[in-house]
PDB file of N, CA and C in Angstrom:
ATOM      1  N   MET A   1       2.676 -10.648  17.284  1.00  0.00           N
ATOM      2  CA  MET A   1       3.009 -11.062  15.557  1.00  0.00           C
ATOM      3  C   MET A   1       2.103  -9.983  14.928  1.00  0.00           C
ATOM      4  N   LEU A   2       0.868 -10.354  15.058  1.00  0.00           N
ATOM      5  CA  LEU A   2      -0.032  -9.604  14.340  1.00  0.00           C
ATOM      6  C   LEU A   2      -0.141  -8.133  14.359  1.00  0.00           C
ATOM      7  N   LEU A   3       0.308  -7.546  15.619  1.00  0.00           N
ATOM      8  CA  LEU A   3       0.320  -5.983  15.894  1.00  0.00           C
ATOM      9  C   LEU A   3       1.648  -5.664  15.110  1.00  0.00           C
ATOM     10  N   SER A   4       2.833  -6.165  14.966  1.00  0.00           N
ATOM     11  CA  SER A   4       4.042  -5.792  14.234  1.00  0.00           C
ATOM     12  C   SER A   4       3.580  -5.484  12.986  1.00  0.00           C
ATOM     13  N   TRP A   5       2.799  -6.489  12.262  1.00  0.00           N
ATOM     14  CA  TRP A   5       2.410  -6.419  10.778  1.00  0.00           C
ATOM     15  C   TRP A   5       1.257  -5.245  10.607  1.00  0.00           C
ATOM     16  N   MET A   6       0.696  -5.117  11.390  1.00  0.00           N
ATOM     17  CA  MET A   6      -0.216  -4.007  11.654  1.00  0.00           C
ATOM     18  C   MET A   6       0.266  -2.546  11.299  1.00  0.00           C
ATOM     19  N   GLN A   7       1.402  -2.634  12.458  1.00  0.00           N
ATOM     20  CA  GLN A   7       2.077  -1.332  12.211  1.00  0.00           C
ATOM     21  C   GLN A   7       3.112  -1.039  11.101  1.00  0.00           C
ATOM     22  N   LEU A   8       3.506  -2.313  10.514  1.00  0.00           N
ATOM     23  CA  LEU A   8       4.133  -2.056   9.303  1.00  0.00           C
ATOM     24  C   LEU A   8       3.554  -1.525   8.199  1.00  0.00           C
ATOM     25  N   THR A   9       2.148  -2.208   8.272  1.00  0.00           N
ATOM     26  CA  THR A   9       1.326  -1.617   7.148  1.00  0.00           C
ATOM     27  C   THR A   9       1.037  -0.276   7.343  1.00  0.00           C
ATOM     28  N   ILE A  10       0.649   0.160   8.540  1.00  0.00           N
ATOM     29  CA  ILE A  10       0.461   1.711   8.840  1.00  0.00           C
ATOM     30  C   ILE A  10       1.368   2.441   8.382  1.00  0.00           C
ATOM     31  N   ASP A  11       2.719   2.105   8.773  1.00  0.00           N
ATOM     32  CA  ASP A  11       3.888   2.943   8.620  1.00  0.00           C
ATOM     33  C   ASP A  11       4.032   2.764   6.906  1.00  0.00           C
ATOM     34  N   ALA A  12       4.056   1.855   6.333  1.00  0.00           N
ATOM     35  CA  ALA A  12       4.095   1.983   4.865  1.00  0.00           C
ATOM     36  C   ALA A  12       3.054   2.702   4.272  1.00  0.00           C
ATOM     37  N   THR A  13       1.789   2.415   4.590  1.00  0.00           N
ATOM     38  CA  THR A  13       0.688   3.444   4.042  1.00  0.00           C
ATOM     39  C   THR A  13       1.154   4.959   4.216  1.00  0.00           C
ATOM     40  N   MET A  14       1.675   5.321   5.430  1.00  0.00           N
ATOM     41  CA  MET A  14       1.867   6.691   5.668  1.00  0.00           C
ATOM     42  C   MET A  14       3.035   7.113   4.886  1.00  0.00           C
ATOM     43  N   LEU A  15       3.997   6.141   4.621  1.00  0.00           N
ATOM     44  CA  LEU A  15       5.159   6.528   3.869  1.00  0.00           C
ATOM     45  C   LEU A  15       4.650   6.997   2.474  1.00  0.00           C
ATOM     46  N   THR A  16       3.712   6.236   2.089  1.00  0.00           N
ATOM     47  CA  THR A  16       3.213   6.490   0.633  1.00  0.00           C
ATOM     48  C   THR A  16       2.674   7.723   0.539  1.00  0.00           C
ATOM     49  N   PHE A  17       1.616   8.155   1.461  1.00  0.00           N
ATOM     50  CA  PHE A  17       1.305   9.589   1.346  1.00  0.00           C
ATOM     51  C   PHE A  17       2.070  10.608   1.614  1.00  0.00           C
ATOM     52  N   GLU A  18       3.194  10.222   2.434  1.00  0.00           N
ATOM     53  CA  GLU A  18       4.238  11.396   2.743  1.00  0.00           C
ATOM     54  C   GLU A  18       5.149  11.525   1.421  1.00  0.00           C
ATOM     55  N   ALA A  19       5.601  10.579   0.981  1.00  0.00           N
ATOM     56  CA  ALA A  19       6.326  10.420  -0.212  1.00  0.00           C
ATOM     57  C   ALA A  19       5.582  11.088  -1.598  1.00  0.00           C
ATOM     58  N   GLN A  20       4.248  10.841  -1.783  1.00  0.00           N
ATOM     59  CA  GLN A  20       3.589  11.383  -2.655  1.00  0.00           C
ATOM     60  C   GLN A  20       3.496  13.048  -2.507  1.00  0.00           C
ATOM     61  N   SER A  21       3.186  13.482  -1.423  1.00  0.00           N
ATOM     62  CA  SER A  21       3.504  14.914  -1.217  1.00  0.00           C
ATOM     63  C   SER A  21       4.846  15.650  -1.491  1.00  0.00           C
ATOM     64  N   VAL A  22       5.926  14.916  -1.104  1.00  0.00           N
ATOM     65  CA  VAL A  22       7.070  15.369  -1.731  1.00  0.00           C
ATOM     66  C   VAL A  22       7.311  15.246  -3.126  1.00  0.00           C
ATOM     67  N   ILE A  23       6.975  14.207  -3.721  1.00  0.00           N
ATOM     68  CA  ILE A  23       6.918  14.308  -5.309  1.00  0.00           C
ATOM     69  C   ILE A  23       6.062  15.483  -5.896  1.00  0.00           C
ATOM     70  N   TRP A  24       5.005  15.519  -5.299  1.00  0.00           N
ATOM     71  CA  TRP A  24       4.026  16.707  -5.938  1.00  0.00           C
ATOM     72  C   TRP A  24       4.809  17.803  -5.645  1.00  0.00           C
ATOM     73  N   ALA A  25       5.402  18.242  -4.593  1.00  0.00           N
ATOM     74  CA  ALA A  25       6.054  19.665  -4.278  1.00  0.00           C
ATOM     75  C   ALA A  25       7.096  19.702  -5.106  1.00  0.00           C
ATOM     76  N   ARG A  26       7.933  18.672  -5.246  1.00  0.00           N
ATOM     77  CA  ARG A  26       9.085  18.699  -6.534  1.00  0.00           C
ATOM     78  C   ARG A  26       8.763  19.053  -7.730  1.00  0.00           C
ATOM     79  N   LEU A  27       7.824  18.312  -8.016  1.00  0.00           N
ATOM     80  CA  LEU A  27       7.714  18.316  -9.668  1.00  0.00           C
ATOM     81  C   LEU A  27       6.726  19.572  -9.770  1.00  0.00           C
ATOM     82  N   SER A  28       6.053  19.885  -8.853  1.00  0.00           N
ATOM     83  CA  SER A  28       5.338  21.387  -8.917  1.00  0.00           C
ATOM     84  C   SER A  28       6.181  22.364  -9.403  1.00  0.00           C
ATOM     85  N   ARG A  29       7.140  22.446  -8.435  1.00  0.00           N
ATOM     86  CA  ARG A  29       8.248  23.618  -8.457  1.00  0.00           C
ATOM     87  C   ARG A  29       8.821  23.395  -9.720  1.00  0.00           C
ATOM     88  N   ILE A  30       9.314  22.325 -10.200  1.00  0.00           N
ATOM     89  CA  ILE A  30       9.992  22.237 -11.597  1.00  0.00           C
ATOM     90  C   ILE A  30       9.144  22.783 -12.726  1.00  0.00           C
ATOM     91  N   ALA A  31       7.702  22.310 -12.693  1.00  0.00           N
ATOM     92  CA  ALA A  31       6.914  22.551 -13.827  1.00  0.00           C
ATOM     93  C   ALA A  31       6.653  24.126 -13.629  1.00  0.00           C
ATOM     94  N   LEU A  32       6.628  24.716 -12.437  1.00  0.00           N
ATOM     95  CA  LEU A  32       6.691  26.135 -12.556  1.00  0.00           C
ATOM     96  C   LEU A  32       7.641  26.937 -12.826  1.00  0.00           C
ATOM     97  N   GLY A  33       8.818  26.327 -13.229  1.00  0.00           N
ATOM     98  CA  GLY A  33      10.336  27.016 -13.175  1.00  0.00           C
ATOM     99  C   GLY A  33      11.163  27.327 -11.955  1.00  0.00           C
ATOM    100  N   GLN A  34      10.661  26.881 -10.874  1.00  0.00           N
ATOM    101  CA  GLN A  34      10.898  27.254  -9.551  1.00  0.00           C
ATOM    102  C   GLN A  34      11.975  26.450  -9.110  1.00  0.00           C
ATOM    103  N   GLY A  35      12.214  25.142  -9.753  1.00  0.00           N
ATOM    104  CA  GLY A  35      13.071  24.248  -9.232  1.00  0.00           C
ATOM    105  C   GLY A  35      14.507  24.605  -9.500  1.00  0.00           C
ATOM    106  N   SER A  36      15.343  23.864  -8.672  1.00  0.00           N
ATOM    107  CA  SER A  36      16.815  24.167  -8.926  1.00  0.00           C
ATOM    108  C   SER A  36      17.518  23.079  -9.364  1.00  0.00           C
ATOM    109  N   PRO A  37      18.878  23.497  -9.905  1.00  0.00           N
ATOM    110  CA  PRO A  37      19.599  21.807 -10.146  1.00  0.00           C
ATOM    111  C   PRO A  37      20.142  21.213  -8.675  1.00  0.00           C
ATOM    112  N   ALA A  38      20.128  22.058  -7.773  1.00  0.00           N
ATOM    113  CA  ALA A  38      20.521  21.447  -6.675  1.00  0.00           C
ATOM    114  C   ALA A  38      19.609  20.507  -6.088  1.00  0.00           C
ATOM    115  N   GLU A  39      18.179  20.967  -6.209  1.00  0.00           N
ATOM    116  CA  GLU A  39      16.855  20.277  -5.756  1.00  0.00           C
ATOM    117  C   GLU A  39      16.970  18.850  -6.538  1.00  0.00           C
ATOM    118  N   SER A  40      17.233  18.919  -7.897  1.00  0.00           N
ATOM    119  CA  SER A  40      17.167  17.944  -8.773  1.00  0.00           C
ATOM    120  C   SER A  40      18.397  16.959  -8.441  1.00  0.00           C
ATOM    121  N   LEU A  41      19.389  17.228  -8.142  1.00  0.00           N
ATOM    122  CA  LEU A  41      20.459  16.505  -7.959  1.00  0.00           C
ATOM    123  C   LEU A  41      20.070  15.897  -6.544  1.00  0.00           C
ATOM    124  N   LEU A  42      19.478  16.493  -5.534  1.00  0.00           N
ATOM    125  CA  LEU A  42      19.132  15.948  -4.213  1.00  0.00           C
ATOM    126  C   LEU A  42      18.250  14.751  -4.503  1.00  0.00           C
ATOM    127  N   MET A  43      17.452  14.982  -5.158  1.00  0.00           N
ATOM    128  CA  MET A  43      16.478  13.797  -5.527  1.00  0.00           C
ATOM    129  C   MET A  43      17.032  12.683  -5.916  1.00  0.00           C
ATOM    130  N   VAL A  44      17.980  12.707  -6.493  1.00  0.00           N
ATOM    131  CA  VAL A  44      18.590  11.595  -7.183  1.00  0.00           C
ATOM    132  C   VAL A  44      19.497  10.895  -6.022  1.00  0.00           C
ATOM    133  N   THR A  45      20.385  11.646  -5.267  1.00  0.00           N
ATOM    134  CA  THR A  45      21.402  11.280  -4.331  1.00  0.00           C
ATOM    135  C   THR A  45      20.607  10.872  -3.194  1.00  0.00           C
ATOM    136  N   GLU A  46      19.626  11.273  -2.677  1.00  0.00           N
ATOM    137  CA  GLU A  46      18.664  10.852  -1.693  1.00  0.00           C
ATOM    138  C   GLU A  46      18.360   9.429  -2.024  1.00  0.00           C
ATOM    139  N   LYS A  47      17.829   9.199  -3.233  1.00  0.00           N
ATOM    140  CA  LYS A  47      17.423   7.785  -3.467  1.00  0.00           C
ATOM    141  C   LYS A  47      18.573   6.570  -3.306  1.00  0.00           C
ATOM    142  N   VAL A  48      19.742   7.039  -3.982  1.00  0.00           N
ATOM    143  CA  VAL A  48      20.776   6.195  -3.917  1.00  0.00           C
ATOM    144  C   VAL A  48      21.415   5.884  -2.434  1.00  0.00           C
ATOM    145  N   ASN A  49      21.352   6.904  -1.601  1.00  0.00           N
ATOM    146  CA  ASN A  49      21.742   6.706  -0.328  1.00  0.00           C
ATOM    147  C   ASN A  49      20.766   6.005   0.445  1.00  0.00           C
ATOM    148  N   ALA A  50      19.372   6.427   0.309  1.00  0.00           N
ATOM    149  CA  ALA A  50      18.475   5.702   0.955  1.00  0.00           C
ATOM    150  C   ALA A  50      18.471   4.081   0.566  1.00  0.00           C
ATOM    151  N   PHE A  51      18.866   3.815  -0.578  1.00  0.00           N
ATOM    152  CA  PHE A  51      18.863   2.410  -1.038  1.00  0.00           C
ATOM    153  C   PHE A  51      20.013   1.915  -0.201  1.00  0.00           C
ATOM    154  N   ALA A  52      21.192   2.334  -0.352  1.00  0.00           N
ATOM    155  CA  ALA A  52      22.384   1.903   0.166  1.00  0.00           C
ATOM    156  C   ALA A  52      22.120   1.668   1.746  1.00  0.00           C
ATOM    157  N   GLU A  53      21.499   2.412   2.185  1.00  0.00           N
ATOM    158  CA  GLU A  53      21.016   2.482   3.918  1.00  0.00           C
ATOM    159  C   GLU A  53      20.196   1.147   4.064  1.00  0.00           C
ATOM    160  N   ALA A  54      19.280   1.217   3.364  1.00  0.00           N
ATOM    161  CA  ALA A  54      18.139   0.276   3.416  1.00  0.00           C
ATOM    162  C   ALA A  54      19.048  -1.243   3.192  1.00  0.00           C
ATOM    163  N   ALA A  55      19.801  -1.620   2.185  1.00  0.00           N
ATOM    164  CA  ALA A  55      20.520  -2.735   2.069  1.00  0.00           C
ATOM    165  C   ALA A  55      21.540  -3.008   3.443  1.00  0.00           C
ATOM    166  N   ALA A  56      22.141  -2.058   3.717  1.00  0.00           N
ATOM    167  CA  ALA A  56      22.933  -2.275   4.997  1.00  0.00           C
ATOM    168  C   ALA A  56      22.117  -2.829   6.136  1.00  0.00           C
ATOM    169  N   ILE A  57      20.754  -2.267   6.289  1.00  0.00           N
ATOM    170  CA  ILE A  57      20.069  -2.465   7.437  1.00  0.00           C
ATOM    171  C   ILE A  57      19.531  -3.954   7.312  1.00  0.00           C
ATOM    172  N   ILE A  58      19.210  -4.413   5.804  1.00  0.00           N
ATOM    173  CA  ILE A  58      18.731  -5.585   5.732  1.00  0.00           C
ATOM    174  C   ILE A  58      20.012  -6.686   5.783  1.00  0.00           C
ATOM    175  N   THR A  59      21.019  -6.438   5.217  1.00  0.00           N
ATOM    176  CA  THR A  59      22.204  -7.379   5.462  1.00  0.00           C
ATOM    177  C   THR A  59      22.614  -7.585   6.953  1.00  0.00           C
ATOM    178  N   THR A  60      22.515  -6.648   7.831  1.00  0.00           N
ATOM    179  CA  THR A  60      23.115  -6.660   9.116  1.00  0.00           C
ATOM    180  C   THR A  60      21.571  -7.213  10.101  1.00  0.00           C
ATOM    181  N   GLY A  61      20.733  -7.818   9.421  1.00  0.00           N
ATOM    182  CA  GLY A  61      19.730  -8.526  10.125  1.00  0.00           C
ATOM    183  C   GLY A  61      18.648  -7.812  10.392  1.00  0.00           C
ATOM    184  N   GLY A  62      18.546  -6.536   9.952  1.00  0.00           N
ATOM    185  CA  GLY A  62      17.307  -5.473  10.429  1.00  0.00           C
ATOM    186  C   GLY A  62      16.136  -6.019   9.618  1.00  0.00           C
ATOM    187  N   THR A  63      14.847  -5.375   9.937  1.00  0.00           N
ATOM    188  CA  THR A  63      13.664  -6.068   9.597  1.00  0.00           C
ATOM    189  C   THR A  63      13.247  -4.842   8.413  1.00  0.00           C
ATOM    190  N   ALA A  64      12.124  -5.172   8.016  1.00  0.00           N
ATOM    191  CA  ALA A  64      11.438  -4.319   6.791  1.00  0.00           C
ATOM    192  C   ALA A  64      11.019  -3.159   7.535  1.00  0.00           C
ATOM    193  N   HIS A  65      10.504  -3.376   9.064  1.00  0.00           N
ATOM    194  CA  HIS A  65      10.022  -2.399   9.616  1.00  0.00           C
ATOM    195  C   HIS A  65      11.194  -1.389  10.063  1.00  0.00           C
ATOM    196  N   HIS A  66      12.389  -1.885  10.206  1.00  0.00           N
ATOM    197  CA  HIS A  66      13.476  -0.632  10.325  1.00  0.00           C
ATOM    198  C   HIS A  66      13.621   0.042   8.959  1.00  0.00           C
ATOM    199  N   VAL A  67      13.594  -0.858   7.738  1.00  0.00           N
ATOM    200  CA  VAL A  67      13.818   0.032   6.693  1.00  0.00           C
ATOM    201  C   VAL A  67      12.778   1.100   6.373  1.00  0.00           C
ATOM    202  N   VAL A  68      11.566   0.761   6.754  1.00  0.00           N
ATOM    203  CA  VAL A  68      10.294   1.650   6.561  1.00  0.00           C
ATOM    204  C   VAL A  68      10.712   2.798   7.361  1.00  0.00           C
ATOM    205  N   LYS A  69      10.790   2.552   8.611  1.00  0.00           N
ATOM    206  CA  LYS A  69      10.780   3.700   9.400  1.00  0.00           C
ATOM    207  C   LYS A  69      12.062   4.704   9.466  1.00  0.00           C
ATOM    208  N   GLY A  70      13.446   4.327   8.561  1.00  0.00           N
ATOM    209  CA  GLY A  70      14.208   4.935   7.975  1.00  0.00           C
ATOM    210  C   GLY A  70      13.906   5.793   6.930  1.00  0.00           C
ATOM    211  N   TYR A  71      12.959   5.213   6.118  1.00  0.00           N
ATOM    212  CA  TYR A  71      12.677   6.009   4.983  1.00  0.00           C
ATOM    213  C   TYR A  71      11.734   7.078   5.297  1.00  0.00           C
ATOM    214  N   ARG A  72      10.705   6.774   6.332  1.00  0.00           N
ATOM    215  CA  ARG A  72       9.662   7.685   6.631  1.00  0.00           C
ATOM    216  C   ARG A  72      10.297   9.021   7.329  1.00  0.00           C
ATOM    217  N   ARG A  73      11.441   8.524   8.152  1.00  0.00           N
ATOM    218  CA  ARG A  73      12.310   9.691   8.954  1.00  0.00           C
ATOM    219  C   ARG A  73      12.901  10.760   7.708  1.00  0.00           C
ATOM    220  N   LYS A  74      13.278  10.172   6.804  1.00  0.00           N
ATOM    221  CA  LYS A  74      13.903  11.122   5.571  1.00  0.00           C
ATOM    222  C   LYS A  74      13.045  11.579   4.799  1.00  0.00           C
ATOM    223  N   VAL A  75      11.880  10.967   4.702  1.00  0.00           N
ATOM    224  CA  VAL A  75      10.634  11.746   3.780  1.00  0.00           C
ATOM    225  C   VAL A  75      10.097  12.807   4.607  1.00  0.00           C
ATOM    226  N   ARG A  76       9.965  12.487   5.677  1.00  0.00           N
ATOM    227  CA  ARG A  76       9.354  13.672   6.918  1.00  0.00           C
ATOM    228  C   ARG A  76      10.261  14.830   6.853  1.00  0.00           C
ATOM    229  N   ALA A  77      11.529  14.730   6.919  1.00  0.00           N
ATOM    230  CA  ALA A  77      12.517  15.693   6.720  1.00  0.00           C
ATOM    231  C   ALA A  77      11.966  16.423   5.541  1.00  0.00           C
ATOM    232  N   ASN A  78      11.809  15.826   4.370  1.00  0.00           N
ATOM    233  CA  ASN A  78      11.688  16.626   3.160  1.00  0.00           C
ATOM    234  C   ASN A  78      10.283  17.269   3.158  1.00  0.00           C
ATOM    235  N   VAL A  79       9.405  16.854   3.806  1.00  0.00           N
ATOM    236  CA  VAL A  79       7.924  17.310   3.978  1.00  0.00           C
ATOM    237  C   VAL A  79       8.232  18.466   4.674  1.00  0.00           C
ATOM    238  N   ARG A  80       8.970  18.577   5.699  1.00  0.00           N
ATOM    239  CA  ARG A  80       9.105  19.823   6.683  1.00  0.00           C
ATOM    240  C   ARG A  80      10.161  20.937   5.842  1.00  0.00           C
ATOM    241  N   ARG A  81      10.975  20.307   5.118  1.00  0.00           N
ATOM    242  CA  ARG A  81      11.891  21.206   4.348  1.00  0.00           C
ATOM    243  C   ARG A  81      11.191  22.016   3.246  1.00  0.00           C
ATOM    244  N   LEU A  82      10.268  21.118   2.473  1.00  0.00           N
ATOM    245  CA  LEU A  82       9.772  21.716   1.053  1.00  0.00           C
ATOM    246  C   LEU A  82       8.429  22.347   1.540  1.00  0.00           C
ATOM    247  N   GLY A  83       7.860  22.241   2.962  1.00  0.00           N
ATOM    248  CA  GLY A  83       6.559  23.071   3.322  1.00  0.00           C
ATOM    249  C   GLY A  83       5.337  22.155   2.654  1.00  0.00           C
ATOM    250  N   CYS A  84       5.408  21.089   2.619  1.00  0.00           N
ATOM    251  CA  CYS A  84       3.983  20.335   2.095  1.00  0.00           C
ATOM    252  C   CYS A  84       3.095  20.285   2.764  1.00  0.00           C
TER     253      CYS A  84
END
């Protein structure tokens, strides 16, 4: 039990760092005038879709760890795509 909580803590911490790098990359591009309307729309739609997916996981009996793992997968894809 303790190990699963420790793993959740580590994954949530990593999610925080990874998400911060994506936020920094996107806002830097917007501030420099290099952002695109498509990227701005993607920022919003990703959040709505991620929330819906997380809600579905929880309502079907999933755990917080499954939600965090799903978020991390999506954020890491953004890290790779944006070259953070």
